[in-house]
PDB file of all heavy atoms in Angstrom:
ATOM      1  N   LYS A   1      91.891 144.174  34.442  1.00  0.00           N
ATOM      2  CA  LYS A   1      90.906 143.390  33.705  1.00  0.00           C
ATOM      3  C   LYS A   1      90.212 144.251  32.658  1.00  0.00           C
ATOM      4  O   LYS A   1      89.953 143.844  31.524  1.00  0.00           O
ATOM      5  CB  LYS A   1      89.865 142.794  34.663  1.00  0.00           C
ATOM      6  CG  LYS A   1      90.401 141.639  35.479  1.00  0.00           C
ATOM      7  CD  LYS A   1      89.310 141.100  36.388  1.00  0.00           C
ATOM      8  CE  LYS A   1      89.825 139.914  37.220  1.00  0.00           C
ATOM      9  NZ  LYS A   1      88.776 139.408  38.131  1.00  0.00           N
ATOM     10  N   GLY A   2      89.893 145.506  33.078  1.00  0.00           N
ATOM     11  CA  GLY A   2      89.214 146.411  32.129  1.00  0.00           C
ATOM     12  C   GLY A   2      90.086 146.741  30.931  1.00  0.00           C
ATOM     13  O   GLY A   2      89.635 146.783  29.794  1.00  0.00           O
ATOM     14  N   LEU A   3      91.407 146.931  31.215  1.00  0.00           N
ATOM     15  CA  LEU A   3      92.320 147.251  30.117  1.00  0.00           C
ATOM     16  C   LEU A   3      92.463 146.088  29.148  1.00  0.00           C
ATOM     17  O   LEU A   3      92.481 146.250  27.936  1.00  0.00           O
ATOM     18  CB  LEU A   3      93.701 147.617  30.679  1.00  0.00           C
ATOM     19  CG  LEU A   3      93.804 148.990  31.356  1.00  0.00           C
ATOM     20  CD1 LEU A   3      95.146 149.147  32.062  1.00  0.00           C
ATOM     21  CD2 LEU A   3      93.612 150.091  30.316  1.00  0.00           C
ATOM     22  N   LYS A   4      92.570 144.829  29.749  1.00  0.00           N
ATOM     23  CA  LYS A   4      92.698 143.649  28.888  1.00  0.00           C
ATOM     24  C   LYS A   4      91.455 143.470  28.035  1.00  0.00           C
ATOM     25  O   LYS A   4      91.527 143.137  26.857  1.00  0.00           O
ATOM     26  CB  LYS A   4      92.915 142.404  29.754  1.00  0.00           C
ATOM     27  CG  LYS A   4      94.312 142.342  30.363  1.00  0.00           C
ATOM     28  CD  LYS A   4      94.456 141.085  31.214  1.00  0.00           C
ATOM     29  CE  LYS A   4      95.863 141.009  31.813  1.00  0.00           C
ATOM     30  NZ  LYS A   4      96.017 139.808  32.649  1.00  0.00           N
ATOM     31  N   LYS A   5      90.295 143.674  28.665  1.00  0.00           N
ATOM     32  CA  LYS A   5      89.038 143.521  27.926  1.00  0.00           C
ATOM     33  C   LYS A   5      88.945 144.547  26.791  1.00  0.00           C
ATOM     34  O   LYS A   5      88.556 144.242  25.668  1.00  0.00           O
ATOM     35  CB  LYS A   5      87.861 143.678  28.895  1.00  0.00           C
ATOM     36  CG  LYS A   5      86.509 143.340  28.286  1.00  0.00           C
ATOM     37  CD  LYS A   5      85.436 143.408  29.343  1.00  0.00           C
ATOM     38  CE  LYS A   5      84.068 143.042  28.764  1.00  0.00           C
ATOM     39  NZ  LYS A   5      82.992 143.117  29.779  1.00  0.00           N
ATOM     40  N   GLY A   6      89.343 145.788  27.094  1.00  0.00           N
ATOM     41  CA  GLY A   6      89.302 146.839  26.066  1.00  0.00           C
ATOM     42  C   GLY A   6      90.279 146.576  24.943  1.00  0.00           C
ATOM     43  O   GLY A   6      90.009 146.818  23.783  1.00  0.00           O
ATOM     44  N   LEU A   7      91.468 146.000  25.328  1.00  0.00           N
ATOM     45  CA  LEU A   7      92.479 145.701  24.327  1.00  0.00           C
ATOM     46  C   LEU A   7      91.983 144.637  23.353  1.00  0.00           C
ATOM     47  O   LEU A   7      92.173 144.727  22.146  1.00  0.00           O
ATOM     48  CB  LEU A   7      93.760 145.235  25.011  1.00  0.00           C
ATOM     49  CG  LEU A   7      94.966 144.947  24.103  1.00  0.00           C
ATOM     50  CD1 LEU A   7      95.334 146.183  23.311  1.00  0.00           C
ATOM     51  CD2 LEU A   7      96.141 144.452  24.935  1.00  0.00           C
ATOM     52  N   LYS A   8      91.322 143.600  23.888  1.00  0.00           N
ATOM     53  CA  LYS A   8      90.781 142.531  23.050  1.00  0.00           C
ATOM     54  C   LYS A   8      89.747 143.096  22.073  1.00  0.00           C
ATOM     55  O   LYS A   8      89.712 142.750  20.903  1.00  0.00           O
ATOM     56  CB  LYS A   8      90.136 141.446  23.911  1.00  0.00           C
ATOM     57  CG  LYS A   8      91.147 140.580  24.633  1.00  0.00           C
ATOM     58  CD  LYS A   8      90.435 139.522  25.483  1.00  0.00           C
ATOM     59  CE  LYS A   8      91.457 138.638  26.201  1.00  0.00           C
ATOM     60  NZ  LYS A   8      90.780 137.637  27.048  1.00  0.00           N
ATOM     61  N   LYS A   9      88.885 143.989  22.572  1.00  0.00           N
ATOM     62  CA  LYS A   9      87.870 144.603  21.702  1.00  0.00           C
ATOM     63  C   LYS A   9      88.528 145.433  20.595  1.00  0.00           C
ATOM     64  O   LYS A   9      88.113 145.432  19.445  1.00  0.00           O
ATOM     65  CB  LYS A   9      86.925 145.488  22.511  1.00  0.00           C
ATOM     66  CG  LYS A   9      85.946 144.700  23.372  1.00  0.00           C
ATOM     67  CD  LYS A   9      85.002 145.646  24.086  1.00  0.00           C
ATOM     68  CE  LYS A   9      83.960 144.885  24.912  1.00  0.00           C
ATOM     69  NZ  LYS A   9      83.049 145.814  25.618  1.00  0.00           N
ATOM     70  N   GLY A  10      89.600 146.136  20.999  1.00  0.00           N
ATOM     71  CA  GLY A  10      90.284 146.982  20.020  1.00  0.00           C
ATOM     72  C   GLY A  10      90.921 146.172  18.922  1.00  0.00           C
ATOM     73  O   GLY A  10      90.845 146.496  17.746  1.00  0.00           O
ATOM     74  N   ILE A  11      91.560 145.015  19.331  1.00  0.00           N
ATOM     75  CA  ILE A  11      92.191 144.144  18.340  1.00  0.00           C
ATOM     76  C   ILE A  11      91.155 143.558  17.409  1.00  0.00           C
ATOM     77  O   ILE A  11      91.334 143.483  16.196  1.00  0.00           O
ATOM     78  CB  ILE A  11      92.975 143.014  19.051  1.00  0.00           C
ATOM     79  CG1 ILE A  11      94.189 143.605  19.788  1.00  0.00           C
ATOM     80  CG2 ILE A  11      93.431 141.953  18.060  1.00  0.00           C
ATOM     81  CD1 ILE A  11      94.910 142.623  20.672  1.00  0.00           C
ATOM     82  N   ALA A  12      90.021 143.159  17.977  1.00  0.00           N
ATOM     83  CA  ALA A  12      88.946 142.604  17.152  1.00  0.00           C
ATOM     84  C   ALA A  12      88.436 143.630  16.146  1.00  0.00           C
ATOM     85  O   ALA A  12      88.195 143.331  14.978  1.00  0.00           O
ATOM     86  CB  ALA A  12      87.796 142.123  18.053  1.00  0.00           C
ATOM     87  N   ALA A  13      88.279 144.868  16.620  1.00  0.00           N
ATOM     88  CA  ALA A  13      87.785 145.926  15.727  1.00  0.00           C
ATOM     89  C   ALA A  13      88.771 146.195  14.602  1.00  0.00           C
ATOM     90  O   ALA A  13      88.400 146.375  13.446  1.00  0.00           O
ATOM     91  CB  ALA A  13      87.545 147.218  16.530  1.00  0.00           C
ATOM     92  N   LEU A  14      90.087 146.200  14.985  1.00  0.00           N
ATOM     93  CA  LEU A  14      91.103 146.431  13.965  1.00  0.00           C
ATOM     94  C   LEU A  14      91.120 145.313  12.935  1.00  0.00           C
ATOM     95  O   LEU A  14      91.298 145.536  11.734  1.00  0.00           O
ATOM     96  CB  LEU A  14      92.492 146.552  14.605  1.00  0.00           C
ATOM     97  CG  LEU A  14      92.790 147.866  15.336  1.00  0.00           C
ATOM     98  CD1 LEU A  14      94.093 147.750  16.128  1.00  0.00           C
ATOM     99  CD2 LEU A  14      92.872 149.007  14.341  1.00  0.00           C
ATOM    100  N   THR A  15      90.900 144.077  13.392  1.00  0.00           N
ATOM    101  CA  THR A  15      90.877 142.935  12.481  1.00  0.00           C
ATOM    102  C   THR A  15      89.741 143.048  11.493  1.00  0.00           C
ATOM    103  O   THR A  15      89.902 142.834  10.296  1.00  0.00           O
ATOM    104  CB  THR A  15      90.735 141.624  13.281  1.00  0.00           C
ATOM    105  OG1 THR A  15      91.819 141.533  14.209  1.00  0.00           O
ATOM    106  CG2 THR A  15      90.757 140.412  12.361  1.00  0.00           C
ATOM    107  N   VAL A  16      88.561 143.418  12.007  1.00  0.00           N
ATOM    108  CA  VAL A  16      87.405 143.592  11.138  1.00  0.00           C
ATOM    109  C   VAL A  16      87.654 144.698  10.120  1.00  0.00           C
ATOM    110  O   VAL A  16      87.355 144.582   8.942  1.00  0.00           O
ATOM    111  CB  VAL A  16      86.131 143.899  11.975  1.00  0.00           C
ATOM    112  CG1 VAL A  16      84.983 144.304  11.066  1.00  0.00           C
ATOM    113  CG2 VAL A  16      85.740 142.683  12.806  1.00  0.00           C
ATOM    114  N   THR A  17      88.233 145.802  10.616  1.00  0.00           N
ATOM    115  CA  THR A  17      88.526 146.940   9.721  1.00  0.00           C
ATOM    116  C   THR A  17      89.506 146.542   8.619  1.00  0.00           C
ATOM    117  O   THR A  17      89.327 146.865   7.449  1.00  0.00           O
ATOM    118  CB  THR A  17      89.114 148.116  10.528  1.00  0.00           C
ATOM    119  OG1 THR A  17      88.197 148.462  11.542  1.00  0.00           O
ATOM    120  CG2 THR A  17      89.364 149.324   9.628  1.00  0.00           C
ATOM    121  N   ALA A  18      90.561 145.778   9.043  1.00  0.00           N
ATOM    122  CA  ALA A  18      91.552 145.334   8.059  1.00  0.00           C
ATOM    123  C   ALA A  18      90.924 144.431   7.023  1.00  0.00           C
ATOM    124  O   ALA A  18      91.217 144.535   5.827  1.00  0.00           O
ATOM    125  CB  ALA A  18      92.696 144.598   8.776  1.00  0.00           C
ATOM    126  N   MET A  19      90.030 143.537   7.469  1.00  0.00           N
ATOM    127  CA  MET A  19      89.348 142.657   6.525  1.00  0.00           C
ATOM    128  C   MET A  19      88.493 143.452   5.558  1.00  0.00           C
ATOM    129  O   MET A  19      88.433 143.168   4.367  1.00  0.00           O
ATOM    130  CB  MET A  19      88.476 141.656   7.293  1.00  0.00           C
ATOM    131  CG  MET A  19      89.289 140.596   8.041  1.00  0.00           C
ATOM    132  SD  MET A  19      88.236 139.534   9.033  1.00  0.00           S
ATOM    133  CE  MET A  19      87.312 138.705   7.762  1.00  0.00           C
ATOM    134  N   ALA A  20      87.844 144.476   6.106  1.00  0.00           N
ATOM    135  CA  ALA A  20      86.987 145.309   5.249  1.00  0.00           C
ATOM    136  C   ALA A  20      87.809 146.014   4.185  1.00  0.00           C
ATOM    137  O   ALA A  20      87.458 146.061   3.013  1.00  0.00           O
ATOM    138  CB  ALA A  20      86.236 146.342   6.112  1.00  0.00           C
ATOM    139  N   PHE A  21      88.983 146.573   4.612  1.00  0.00           N
ATOM    140  CA  PHE A  21      89.853 147.240   3.644  1.00  0.00           C
ATOM    141  C   PHE A  21      90.389 146.255   2.625  1.00  0.00           C
ATOM    142  O   PHE A  21      90.517 146.556   1.445  1.00  0.00           O
ATOM    143  CB  PHE A  21      91.035 147.932   4.342  1.00  0.00           C
ATOM    144  CG  PHE A  21      90.714 149.320   4.806  1.00  0.00           C
ATOM    145  CD1 PHE A  21      90.590 149.606   6.156  1.00  0.00           C
ATOM    146  CD2 PHE A  21      90.532 150.337   3.882  1.00  0.00           C
ATOM    147  CE1 PHE A  21      90.288 150.884   6.567  1.00  0.00           C
ATOM    148  CE2 PHE A  21      90.231 151.625   4.295  1.00  0.00           C
ATOM    149  CZ  PHE A  21      90.107 151.900   5.645  1.00  0.00           C
ATOM    150  N   GLY A  22      90.721 145.031   3.111  1.00  0.00           N
ATOM    151  CA  GLY A  22      91.222 144.016   2.193  1.00  0.00           C
ATOM    152  C   GLY A  22      90.200 143.651   1.158  1.00  0.00           C
ATOM    153  O   GLY A  22      90.486 143.534  -0.025  1.00  0.00           O
ATOM    154  N   MET A  23      88.919 143.533   1.575  1.00  0.00           N
ATOM    155  CA  MET A  23      87.854 143.213   0.638  1.00  0.00           C
ATOM    156  C   MET A  23      87.647 144.357  -0.341  1.00  0.00           C
ATOM    157  O   MET A  23      87.445 144.155  -1.525  1.00  0.00           O
ATOM    158  CB  MET A  23      86.558 142.916   1.390  1.00  0.00           C
ATOM    159  CG  MET A  23      86.608 141.608   2.172  1.00  0.00           C
ATOM    160  SD  MET A  23      85.139 141.387   3.194  1.00  0.00           S
ATOM    161  CE  MET A  23      83.910 141.123   1.937  1.00  0.00           C
ATOM    162  N   ALA A  24      87.715 145.588   0.207  1.00  0.00           N
ATOM    163  CA  ALA A  24      87.552 146.750  -0.676  1.00  0.00           C
ATOM    164  C   ALA A  24      88.670 146.801  -1.694  1.00  0.00           C
ATOM    165  O   ALA A  24      88.469 147.113  -2.865  1.00  0.00           O
ATOM    166  CB  ALA A  24      87.539 148.045   0.158  1.00  0.00           C
ATOM    167  N   GLY A  25      89.919 146.462  -1.219  1.00  0.00           N
ATOM    168  CA  GLY A  25      91.053 146.468  -2.138  1.00  0.00           C
ATOM    169  C   GLY A  25      90.871 145.447  -3.229  1.00  0.00           C
ATOM    170  O   GLY A  25      91.163 145.698  -4.393  1.00  0.00           O
TER     171      GLY A  25
END
């Protein structure tokens, strides 16, 4: 459960980061 929860957080963070880079681009 802890791994799944951490994985979801990681994916969310990566999505936000990608959006930020996309906006910067």
